[in-house]
């Protein structure tokens, strides 16, 4: 699972998702998004054993994407990146299936 998170972090579209959103960048973010997460936090949860299954990883990745859609306006660069990174579900499903064999 760590390899998948590393792969996602190296994606050309992942910059907006690599680190937590700061109040400097989005002062009202924590008012809108109640469960913020990012690829760095997800990676730490995987390495720390908090995320133990492919289903948990997929759920956390979808939370990250949902936060993006809730907070950002249609047509924003961040949403364009999210649309590109939304292929994560297929990657998770594929690697999860390989892992269970």
PDB file of N, CA and C in Angstrom:
ATOM      1  N   UNK A   1       0.823  -1.197   0.000  1.00  0.00           N
ATOM      2  CA  UNK A   1       0.000   0.000   0.000  1.00  0.00           C
ATOM      3  C   UNK A   1       0.867   1.260   0.000  1.00  0.00           C
ATOM      4  N   UNK A   2       1.992   1.201   0.691  1.00  0.00           N
ATOM      5  CA  UNK A   2       2.887   2.358   0.716  1.00  0.00           C
ATOM      6  C   UNK A   2       3.361   2.701  -0.689  1.00  0.00           C
ATOM      7  N   UNK A   3       3.606   1.674  -1.488  1.00  0.00           N
ATOM      8  CA  UNK A   3       4.067   1.905  -2.864  1.00  0.00           C
ATOM      9  C   UNK A   3       3.012   2.658  -3.668  1.00  0.00           C
ATOM     10  N   UNK A   4       1.752   2.347  -3.439  1.00  0.00           N
ATOM     11  CA  UNK A   4       0.678   3.041  -4.146  1.00  0.00           C
ATOM     12  C   UNK A   4       0.623   4.512  -3.745  1.00  0.00           C
ATOM     13  N   UNK A   5       0.704   4.790  -2.455  1.00  0.00           N
ATOM     14  CA  UNK A   5       0.675   6.177  -1.991  1.00  0.00           C
ATOM     15  C   UNK A   5       1.878   6.927  -2.559  1.00  0.00           C
ATOM     16  N   UNK A   6       3.043   6.287  -2.566  1.00  0.00           N
ATOM     17  CA  UNK A   6       4.238   6.915  -3.153  1.00  0.00           C
ATOM     18  C   UNK A   6       4.023   7.205  -4.630  1.00  0.00           C
ATOM     19  N   UNK A   7       3.407   6.270  -5.333  1.00  0.00           N
ATOM     20  CA  UNK A   7       3.121   6.447  -6.758  1.00  0.00           C
ATOM     21  C   UNK A   7       2.168   7.619  -6.970  1.00  0.00           C
ATOM     22  N   UNK A   8       1.155   7.723  -6.136  1.00  0.00           N
ATOM     23  CA  UNK A   8       0.211   8.830  -6.254  1.00  0.00           C
ATOM     24  C   UNK A   8       0.896  10.162  -5.968  1.00  0.00           C
ATOM     25  N   UNK A   9       1.783  10.195  -4.983  1.00  0.00           N
ATOM     26  CA  UNK A   9       2.488  11.430  -4.655  1.00  0.00           C
ATOM     27  C   UNK A   9       3.409  11.877  -5.786  1.00  0.00           C
ATOM     28  N   UNK A  10       3.878  10.943  -6.588  1.00  0.00           N
ATOM     29  CA  UNK A  10       4.777  11.306  -7.689  1.00  0.00           C
ATOM     30  C   UNK A  10       4.023  11.679  -8.968  1.00  0.00           C
ATOM     31  N   UNK A  11       2.709  11.557  -8.945  1.00  0.00           N
ATOM     32  CA  UNK A  11       1.904  11.918 -10.113  1.00  0.00           C
ATOM     33  C   UNK A  11       2.028  13.414 -10.403  1.00  0.00           C
ATOM     34  N   UNK A  12       2.008  13.755 -11.672  1.00  0.00           N
ATOM     35  CA  UNK A  12       2.101  15.163 -12.057  1.00  0.00           C
ATOM     36  C   UNK A  12       0.891  15.968 -11.581  1.00  0.00           C
ATOM     37  N   UNK A  13      -0.181  15.309 -11.223  1.00  0.00           N
ATOM     38  CA  UNK A  13      -1.405  15.988 -10.801  1.00  0.00           C
ATOM     39  C   UNK A  13      -1.567  16.059  -9.284  1.00  0.00           C
ATOM     40  N   UNK A  14      -0.624  15.511  -8.538  1.00  0.00           N
ATOM     41  CA  UNK A  14      -0.839  15.339  -7.104  1.00  0.00           C
ATOM     42  C   UNK A  14      -0.434  16.525  -6.238  1.00  0.00           C
ATOM     43  N   UNK A  15       0.177  17.547  -6.785  1.00  0.00           N
ATOM     44  CA  UNK A  15       0.657  18.656  -5.953  1.00  0.00           C
ATOM     45  C   UNK A  15      -0.381  19.193  -4.966  1.00  0.00           C
ATOM     46  N   UNK A  16      -1.618  19.439  -5.372  1.00  0.00           N
ATOM     47  CA  UNK A  16      -2.579  19.987  -4.403  1.00  0.00           C
ATOM     48  C   UNK A  16      -2.935  19.018  -3.269  1.00  0.00           C
ATOM     49  N   UNK A  17      -2.555  17.755  -3.410  1.00  0.00           N
ATOM     50  CA  UNK A  17      -2.963  16.725  -2.456  1.00  0.00           C
ATOM     51  C   UNK A  17      -1.815  16.206  -1.601  1.00  0.00           C
ATOM     52  N   UNK A  18      -0.615  16.695  -1.833  1.00  0.00           N
ATOM     53  CA  UNK A  18       0.556  16.157  -1.132  1.00  0.00           C
ATOM     54  C   UNK A  18       0.607  16.547   0.336  1.00  0.00           C
ATOM     55  N   UNK A  19       0.144  17.741   0.664  1.00  0.00           N
ATOM     56  CA  UNK A  19       0.229  18.244   2.034  1.00  0.00           C
ATOM     57  C   UNK A  19      -1.127  18.800   2.471  1.00  0.00           C
ATOM     58  N   UNK A  20      -1.258  18.949   3.770  1.00  0.00           N
ATOM     59  CA  UNK A  20      -2.490  19.500   4.327  1.00  0.00           C
ATOM     60  C   UNK A  20      -2.722  20.921   3.819  1.00  0.00           C
ATOM     61  N   UNK A  21      -3.969  21.262   3.609  1.00  0.00           N
ATOM     62  CA  UNK A  21      -4.343  22.627   3.235  1.00  0.00           C
ATOM     63  C   UNK A  21      -4.085  23.516   4.448  1.00  0.00           C
ATOM     64  N   UNK A  22      -3.401  24.629   4.218  1.00  0.00           N
ATOM     65  CA  UNK A  22      -3.105  25.543   5.323  1.00  0.00           C
ATOM     66  C   UNK A  22      -4.162  26.640   5.403  1.00  0.00           C
ATOM     67  N   UNK A  23      -4.291  27.210   6.581  1.00  0.00           N
ATOM     68  CA  UNK A  23      -5.227  28.324   6.755  1.00  0.00           C
ATOM     69  C   UNK A  23      -4.771  29.535   5.960  1.00  0.00           C
ATOM     70  N   UNK A  24      -3.491  29.646   5.683  1.00  0.00           N
ATOM     71  CA  UNK A  24      -2.982  30.729   4.845  1.00  0.00           C
ATOM     72  C   UNK A  24      -3.532  30.592   3.417  1.00  0.00           C
ATOM     73  N   UNK A  25      -3.551  29.367   2.917  1.00  0.00           N
ATOM     74  CA  UNK A  25      -4.050  29.125   1.563  1.00  0.00           C
ATOM     75  C   UNK A  25      -5.569  29.187   1.471  1.00  0.00           C
ATOM     76  N   UNK A  26      -6.230  28.740   2.521  1.00  0.00           N
ATOM     77  CA  UNK A  26      -7.696  28.661   2.514  1.00  0.00           C
ATOM     78  C   UNK A  26      -8.207  28.914   3.931  1.00  0.00           C
ATOM     79  N   UNK A  27      -8.388  30.181   4.304  1.00  0.00           N
ATOM     80  CA  UNK A  27      -8.744  30.530   5.686  1.00  0.00           C
ATOM     81  C   UNK A  27     -10.012  29.854   6.217  1.00  0.00           C
ATOM     82  N   UNK A  28     -10.958  29.540   5.346  1.00  0.00           N
ATOM     83  CA  UNK A  28     -12.213  28.936   5.803  1.00  0.00           C
ATOM     84  C   UNK A  28     -12.274  27.431   5.579  1.00  0.00           C
ATOM     85  N   UNK A  29     -11.161  26.832   5.212  1.00  0.00           N
ATOM     86  CA  UNK A  29     -11.143  25.410   4.852  1.00  0.00           C
ATOM     87  C   UNK A  29     -11.701  24.525   5.973  1.00  0.00           C
ATOM     88  N   UNK A  30     -11.254  24.751   7.196  1.00  0.00           N
ATOM     89  CA  UNK A  30     -11.700  23.906   8.312  1.00  0.00           C
ATOM     90  C   UNK A  30     -13.157  24.131   8.690  1.00  0.00           C
ATOM     91  N   UNK A  31     -13.738  25.220   8.238  1.00  0.00           N
ATOM     92  CA  UNK A  31     -15.170  25.446   8.451  1.00  0.00           C
ATOM     93  C   UNK A  31     -15.996  24.629   7.458  1.00  0.00           C
ATOM     94  N   UNK A  32     -15.438  24.410   6.283  1.00  0.00           N
ATOM     95  CA  UNK A  32     -16.148  23.700   5.223  1.00  0.00           C
ATOM     96  C   UNK A  32     -15.843  22.201   5.263  1.00  0.00           C
ATOM     97  N   UNK A  33     -14.584  21.862   5.450  1.00  0.00           N
ATOM     98  CA  UNK A  33     -14.139  20.464   5.427  1.00  0.00           C
ATOM     99  C   UNK A  33     -13.946  19.989   6.859  1.00  0.00           C
ATOM    100  N   UNK A  34     -14.715  19.008   7.252  1.00  0.00           N
ATOM    101  CA  UNK A  34     -14.703  18.541   8.640  1.00  0.00           C
ATOM    102  C   UNK A  34     -13.669  17.458   8.909  1.00  0.00           C
ATOM    103  N   UNK A  35     -13.258  16.701   7.900  1.00  0.00           N
ATOM    104  CA  UNK A  35     -12.262  15.634   8.072  1.00  0.00           C
ATOM    105  C   UNK A  35     -11.172  15.787   7.009  1.00  0.00           C
ATOM    106  N   UNK A  36     -10.303  16.777   7.161  1.00  0.00           N
ATOM    107  CA  UNK A  36      -9.268  16.982   6.148  1.00  0.00           C
ATOM    108  C   UNK A  36      -8.257  15.838   6.124  1.00  0.00           C
ATOM    109  N   UNK A  37      -7.739  15.553   4.946  1.00  0.00           N
ATOM    110  CA  UNK A  37      -6.675  14.563   4.788  1.00  0.00           C
ATOM    111  C   UNK A  37      -5.893  14.889   3.525  1.00  0.00           C
ATOM    112  N   UNK A  38      -4.736  14.317   3.402  1.00  0.00           N
ATOM    113  CA  UNK A  38      -3.869  14.551   2.246  1.00  0.00           C
ATOM    114  C   UNK A  38      -2.986  13.320   2.071  1.00  0.00           C
ATOM    115  N   UNK A  39      -2.221  13.288   0.974  1.00  0.00           N
ATOM    116  CA  UNK A  39      -1.411  12.111   0.684  1.00  0.00           C
ATOM    117  C   UNK A  39      -0.325  11.864   1.726  1.00  0.00           C
ATOM    118  N   UNK A  40       0.252  12.923   2.280  1.00  0.00           N
ATOM    119  CA  UNK A  40       1.264  12.736   3.319  1.00  0.00           C
ATOM    120  C   UNK A  40       0.649  12.089   4.553  1.00  0.00           C
ATOM    121  N   UNK A  41      -0.508  12.591   4.983  1.00  0.00           N
ATOM    122  CA  UNK A  41      -1.194  12.016   6.148  1.00  0.00           C
ATOM    123  C   UNK A  41      -1.602  10.574   5.883  1.00  0.00           C
ATOM    124  N   UNK A  42      -2.083  10.307   4.685  1.00  0.00           N
ATOM    125  CA  UNK A  42      -2.485   8.944   4.324  1.00  0.00           C
ATOM    126  C   UNK A  42      -1.267   8.023   4.351  1.00  0.00           C
ATOM    127  N   UNK A  43      -0.157   8.489   3.796  1.00  0.00           N
ATOM    128  CA  UNK A  43       1.074   7.691   3.801  1.00  0.00           C
ATOM    129  C   UNK A  43       1.521   7.367   5.216  1.00  0.00           C
ATOM    130  N   UNK A  44       1.435   8.332   6.115  1.00  0.00           N
ATOM    131  CA  UNK A  44       1.808   8.099   7.516  1.00  0.00           C
ATOM    132  C   UNK A  44       0.876   7.083   8.167  1.00  0.00           C
ATOM    133  N   UNK A  45      -0.407   7.139   7.832  1.00  0.00           N
ATOM    134  CA  UNK A  45      -1.359   6.170   8.392  1.00  0.00           C
ATOM    135  C   UNK A  45      -1.071   4.759   7.886  1.00  0.00           C
ATOM    136  N   UNK A  46      -0.670   4.651   6.626  1.00  0.00           N
ATOM    137  CA  UNK A  46      -0.315   3.332   6.082  1.00  0.00           C
ATOM    138  C   UNK A  46       0.932   2.807   6.786  1.00  0.00           C
ATOM    139  N   UNK A  47       1.966   3.625   6.840  1.00  0.00           N
ATOM    140  CA  UNK A  47       3.231   3.188   7.447  1.00  0.00           C
ATOM    141  C   UNK A  47       3.089   2.937   8.942  1.00  0.00           C
ATOM    142  N   UNK A  48       2.188   3.664   9.599  1.00  0.00           N
ATOM    143  CA  UNK A  48       1.979   3.488  11.028  1.00  0.00           C
ATOM    144  C   UNK A  48       1.009   2.373  11.386  1.00  0.00           C
ATOM    145  N   UNK A  49       0.445   1.723  10.381  1.00  0.00           N
ATOM    146  CA  UNK A  49      -0.462   0.615  10.630  1.00  0.00           C
ATOM    147  C   UNK A  49      -1.884   1.017  10.978  1.00  0.00           C
ATOM    148  N   UNK A  50      -2.197   2.297  10.833  1.00  0.00           N
ATOM    149  CA  UNK A  50      -3.565   2.748  11.097  1.00  0.00           C
ATOM    150  C   UNK A  50      -4.471   2.327   9.942  1.00  0.00           C
ATOM    151  N   UNK A  51      -3.967   2.459   8.734  1.00  0.00           N
ATOM    152  CA  UNK A  51      -4.665   1.937   7.551  1.00  0.00           C
ATOM    153  C   UNK A  51      -4.067   0.568   7.275  1.00  0.00           C
ATOM    154  N   UNK A  52      -4.905  -0.467   7.379  1.00  0.00           N
ATOM    155  CA  UNK A  52      -4.410  -1.843   7.285  1.00  0.00           C
ATOM    156  C   UNK A  52      -4.948  -2.622   6.093  1.00  0.00           C
ATOM    157  N   UNK A  53      -5.953  -2.085   5.434  1.00  0.00           N
ATOM    158  CA  UNK A  53      -6.539  -2.835   4.318  1.00  0.00           C
ATOM    159  C   UNK A  53      -6.680  -1.929   3.102  1.00  0.00           C
ATOM    160  N   UNK A  54      -6.844  -2.570   1.968  1.00  0.00           N
ATOM    161  CA  UNK A  54      -7.051  -1.811   0.724  1.00  0.00           C
ATOM    162  C   UNK A  54      -8.345  -1.022   0.792  1.00  0.00           C
ATOM    163  N   UNK A  55      -9.349  -1.570   1.462  1.00  0.00           N
ATOM    164  CA  UNK A  55     -10.626  -0.874   1.592  1.00  0.00           C
ATOM    165  C   UNK A  55     -10.461   0.400   2.417  1.00  0.00           C
ATOM    166  N   UNK A  56      -9.695   0.316   3.494  1.00  0.00           N
ATOM    167  CA  UNK A  56      -9.454   1.506   4.316  1.00  0.00           C
ATOM    168  C   UNK A  56      -8.677   2.562   3.539  1.00  0.00           C
ATOM    169  N   UNK A  57      -7.699   2.110   2.761  1.00  0.00           N
ATOM    170  CA  UNK A  57      -6.932   3.046   1.943  1.00  0.00           C
ATOM    171  C   UNK A  57      -7.826   3.710   0.910  1.00  0.00           C
ATOM    172  N   UNK A  58      -8.635   2.926   0.252  1.00  0.00           N
ATOM    173  CA  UNK A  58      -9.538   3.484  -0.749  1.00  0.00           C
ATOM    174  C   UNK A  58     -10.500   4.491  -0.117  1.00  0.00           C
ATOM    175  N   UNK A  59     -11.024   4.172   1.044  1.00  0.00           N
ATOM    176  CA  UNK A  59     -11.941   5.068   1.745  1.00  0.00           C
ATOM    177  C   UNK A  59     -11.258   6.406   2.070  1.00  0.00           C
ATOM    178  N   UNK A  60     -10.015   6.339   2.514  1.00  0.00           N
ATOM    179  CA  UNK A  60      -9.276   7.552   2.860  1.00  0.00           C
ATOM    180  C   UNK A  60      -8.972   8.392   1.619  1.00  0.00           C
ATOM    181  N   UNK A  61      -8.641   7.726   0.519  1.00  0.00           N
ATOM    182  CA  UNK A  61      -8.386   8.449  -0.729  1.00  0.00           C
ATOM    183  C   UNK A  61      -9.662   9.122  -1.236  1.00  0.00           C
ATOM    184  N   UNK A  62     -10.789   8.424  -1.120  1.00  0.00           N
ATOM    185  CA  UNK A  62     -12.055   9.023  -1.540  1.00  0.00           C
ATOM    186  C   UNK A  62     -12.441  10.186  -0.648  1.00  0.00           C
ATOM    187  N   UNK A  63     -12.113  10.120   0.641  1.00  0.00           N
ATOM    188  CA  UNK A  63     -12.366  11.248   1.537  1.00  0.00           C
ATOM    189  C   UNK A  63     -11.565  12.463   1.068  1.00  0.00           C
ATOM    190  N   UNK A  64     -10.316  12.247   0.715  1.00  0.00           N
ATOM    191  CA  UNK A  64      -9.480  13.342   0.224  1.00  0.00           C
ATOM    192  C   UNK A  64     -10.104  13.974  -1.026  1.00  0.00           C
ATOM    193  N   UNK A  65     -10.575  13.135  -1.935  1.00  0.00           N
ATOM    194  CA  UNK A  65     -11.174  13.644  -3.167  1.00  0.00           C
ATOM    195  C   UNK A  65     -12.494  14.358  -2.874  1.00  0.00           C
ATOM    196  N   UNK A  66     -13.308  13.794  -1.994  1.00  0.00           N
ATOM    197  CA  UNK A  66     -14.590  14.415  -1.643  1.00  0.00           C
ATOM    198  C   UNK A  66     -14.362  15.788  -1.027  1.00  0.00           C
ATOM    199  N   UNK A  67     -13.361  15.907  -0.166  1.00  0.00           N
ATOM    200  CA  UNK A  67     -13.028  17.203   0.419  1.00  0.00           C
ATOM    201  C   UNK A  67     -12.713  18.222  -0.668  1.00  0.00           C
ATOM    202  N   UNK A  68     -11.979  17.786  -1.659  1.00  0.00           N
ATOM    203  CA  UNK A  68     -11.616  18.668  -2.772  1.00  0.00           C
ATOM    204  C   UNK A  68     -12.866  19.149  -3.506  1.00  0.00           C
ATOM    205  N   UNK A  69     -13.777  18.239  -3.784  1.00  0.00           N
ATOM    206  CA  UNK A  69     -14.995  18.608  -4.505  1.00  0.00           C
ATOM    207  C   UNK A  69     -15.908  19.507  -3.668  1.00  0.00           C
ATOM    208  N   UNK A  70     -15.935  19.286  -2.368  1.00  0.00           N
ATOM    209  CA  UNK A  70     -16.780  20.102  -1.490  1.00  0.00           C
ATOM    210  C   UNK A  70     -16.248  21.529  -1.406  1.00  0.00           C
ATOM    211  N   UNK A  71     -14.931  21.667  -1.314  1.00  0.00           N
ATOM    212  CA  UNK A  71     -14.365  22.994  -1.049  1.00  0.00           C
ATOM    213  C   UNK A  71     -14.139  23.832  -2.307  1.00  0.00           C
ATOM    214  N   UNK A  72     -13.716  23.235  -3.386  1.00  0.00           N
ATOM    215  CA  UNK A  72     -13.288  24.000  -4.564  1.00  0.00           C
ATOM    216  C   UNK A  72     -14.408  24.236  -5.553  1.00  0.00           C
ATOM    217  N   UNK A  73     -14.284  25.335  -6.258  1.00  0.00           N
ATOM    218  CA  UNK A  73     -15.291  25.706  -7.261  1.00  0.00           C
ATOM    219  C   UNK A  73     -15.071  24.955  -8.564  1.00  0.00           C
ATOM    220  N   UNK A  74     -16.163  24.760  -9.263  1.00  0.00           N
ATOM    221  CA  UNK A  74     -16.117  24.123 -10.568  1.00  0.00           C
ATOM    222  C   UNK A  74     -15.182  24.902 -11.487  1.00  0.00           C
ATOM    223  N   UNK A  75     -14.349  24.171 -12.209  1.00  0.00           N
ATOM    224  CA  UNK A  75     -13.427  24.796 -13.151  1.00  0.00           C
ATOM    225  C   UNK A  75     -12.094  25.197 -12.545  1.00  0.00           C
ATOM    226  N   UNK A  76     -11.935  25.023 -11.229  1.00  0.00           N
ATOM    227  CA  UNK A  76     -10.669  25.397 -10.602  1.00  0.00           C
ATOM    228  C   UNK A  76      -9.572  24.407 -10.982  1.00  0.00           C
ATOM    229  N   UNK A  77      -8.323  24.861 -10.886  1.00  0.00           N
ATOM    230  CA  UNK A  77      -7.191  23.989 -11.208  1.00  0.00           C
ATOM    231  C   UNK A  77      -7.146  22.784 -10.281  1.00  0.00           C
ATOM    232  N   UNK A  78      -7.520  22.993  -9.037  1.00  0.00           N
ATOM    233  CA  UNK A  78      -7.495  21.888  -8.075  1.00  0.00           C
ATOM    234  C   UNK A  78      -8.508  20.820  -8.469  1.00  0.00           C
ATOM    235  N   UNK A  79      -9.683  21.231  -8.927  1.00  0.00           N
ATOM    236  CA  UNK A  79     -10.674  20.235  -9.366  1.00  0.00           C
ATOM    237  C   UNK A  79     -10.212  19.517 -10.617  1.00  0.00           C
ATOM    238  N   UNK A  80      -9.524  20.217 -11.501  1.00  0.00           N
ATOM    239  CA  UNK A  80      -8.977  19.552 -12.686  1.00  0.00           C
ATOM    240  C   UNK A  80      -7.977  18.479 -12.268  1.00  0.00           C
ATOM    241  N   UNK A  81      -7.136  18.814 -11.283  1.00  0.00           N
ATOM    242  CA  UNK A  81      -6.189  17.828 -10.760  1.00  0.00           C
ATOM    243  C   UNK A  81      -6.933  16.663 -10.122  1.00  0.00           C
ATOM    244  N   UNK A  82      -7.994  16.969  -9.389  1.00  0.00           N
ATOM    245  CA  UNK A  82      -8.782  15.913  -8.741  1.00  0.00           C
ATOM    246  C   UNK A  82      -9.376  14.974  -9.777  1.00  0.00           C
ATOM    247  N   UNK A  83      -9.843  15.523 -10.877  1.00  0.00           N
ATOM    248  CA  UNK A  83     -10.409  14.673 -11.922  1.00  0.00           C
ATOM    249  C   UNK A  83      -9.358  13.733 -12.487  1.00  0.00           C
ATOM    250  N   UNK A  84      -8.131  14.198 -12.570  1.00  0.00           N
ATOM    251  CA  UNK A  84      -7.048  13.356 -13.067  1.00  0.00           C
ATOM    252  C   UNK A  84      -6.658  12.304 -12.037  1.00  0.00           C
ATOM    253  N   UNK A  85      -6.614  12.690 -10.784  1.00  0.00           N
ATOM    254  CA  UNK A  85      -6.196  11.779  -9.728  1.00  0.00           C
ATOM    255  C   UNK A  85      -7.311  10.803  -9.364  1.00  0.00           C
ATOM    256  N   UNK A  86      -8.531  11.072  -9.806  1.00  0.00           N
ATOM    257  CA  UNK A  86      -9.633  10.184  -9.445  1.00  0.00           C
ATOM    258  C   UNK A  86      -9.467   8.786 -10.026  1.00  0.00           C
ATOM    259  N   UNK A  87      -8.465   8.593 -10.854  1.00  0.00           N
ATOM    260  CA  UNK A  87      -8.149   7.252 -11.331  1.00  0.00           C
ATOM    261  C   UNK A  87      -7.609   6.378 -10.198  1.00  0.00           C
ATOM    262  N   UNK A  88      -7.413   6.980  -9.023  1.00  0.00           N
ATOM    263  CA  UNK A  88      -6.900   6.238  -7.871  1.00  0.00           C
ATOM    264  C   UNK A  88      -7.761   5.031  -7.546  1.00  0.00           C
ATOM    265  N   UNK A  89      -9.038   5.154  -7.741  1.00  0.00           N
ATOM    266  CA  UNK A  89      -9.924   4.036  -7.391  1.00  0.00           C
ATOM    267  C   UNK A  89      -9.564   2.793  -8.194  1.00  0.00           C
ATOM    268  N   UNK A  90      -9.332   2.982  -9.483  1.00  0.00           N
ATOM    269  CA  UNK A  90      -8.934   1.854 -10.320  1.00  0.00           C
ATOM    270  C   UNK A  90      -7.607   1.267  -9.889  1.00  0.00           C
ATOM    271  N   UNK A  91      -6.676   2.133  -9.526  1.00  0.00           N
ATOM    272  CA  UNK A  91      -5.373   1.662  -9.061  1.00  0.00           C
ATOM    273  C   UNK A  91      -5.540   0.878  -7.774  1.00  0.00           C
ATOM    274  N   UNK A  92      -6.306   1.422  -6.843  1.00  0.00           N
ATOM    275  CA  UNK A  92      -6.532   0.730  -5.563  1.00  0.00           C
ATOM    276  C   UNK A  92      -7.175  -0.626  -5.780  1.00  0.00           C
ATOM    277  N   UNK A  93      -8.176  -0.661  -6.634  1.00  0.00           N
ATOM    278  CA  UNK A  93      -8.880  -1.909  -6.896  1.00  0.00           C
ATOM    279  C   UNK A  93      -7.942  -2.928  -7.515  1.00  0.00           C
ATOM    280  N   UNK A  94      -7.165  -2.478  -8.506  1.00  0.00           N
ATOM    281  CA  UNK A  94      -6.244  -3.387  -9.193  1.00  0.00           C
ATOM    282  C   UNK A  94      -5.181  -3.907  -8.231  1.00  0.00           C
ATOM    283  N   UNK A  95      -4.525  -3.030  -7.500  1.00  0.00           N
ATOM    284  CA  UNK A  95      -3.461  -3.460  -6.602  1.00  0.00           C
ATOM    285  C   UNK A  95      -4.021  -4.242  -5.425  1.00  0.00           C
ATOM    286  N   UNK A  96      -5.216  -3.879  -4.978  1.00  0.00           N
ATOM    287  CA  UNK A  96      -5.837  -4.640  -3.909  1.00  0.00           C
ATOM    288  C   UNK A  96      -6.131  -6.064  -4.334  1.00  0.00           C
ATOM    289  N   UNK A  97      -6.594  -6.203  -5.558  1.00  0.00           N
ATOM    290  CA  UNK A  97      -6.857  -7.531  -6.078  1.00  0.00           C
ATOM    291  C   UNK A  97      -5.584  -8.353  -6.232  1.00  0.00           C
ATOM    292  N   UNK A  98      -4.512  -7.701  -6.670  1.00  0.00           N
ATOM    293  CA  UNK A  98      -3.240  -8.398  -6.794  1.00  0.00           C
ATOM    294  C   UNK A  98      -2.712  -8.806  -5.430  1.00  0.00           C
ATOM    295  N   UNK A  99      -2.922  -7.952  -4.436  1.00  0.00           N
ATOM    296  CA  UNK A  99      -2.429  -8.225  -3.096  1.00  0.00           C
ATOM    297  C   UNK A  99      -3.141  -9.415  -2.459  1.00  0.00           C
ATOM    298  N   UNK A 100      -4.396  -9.626  -2.813  1.00  0.00           N
ATOM    299  CA  UNK A 100      -5.163 -10.694  -2.164  1.00  0.00           C
ATOM    300  C   UNK A 100      -4.944 -12.050  -2.813  1.00  0.00           C
ATOM    301  N   UNK A 101      -4.230 -12.119  -3.913  1.00  0.00           N
ATOM    302  CA  UNK A 101      -4.018 -13.404  -4.608  1.00  0.00           C
ATOM    303  C   UNK A 101      -2.886 -14.201  -3.985  1.00  0.00           C
TER     304      UNK A 101
END
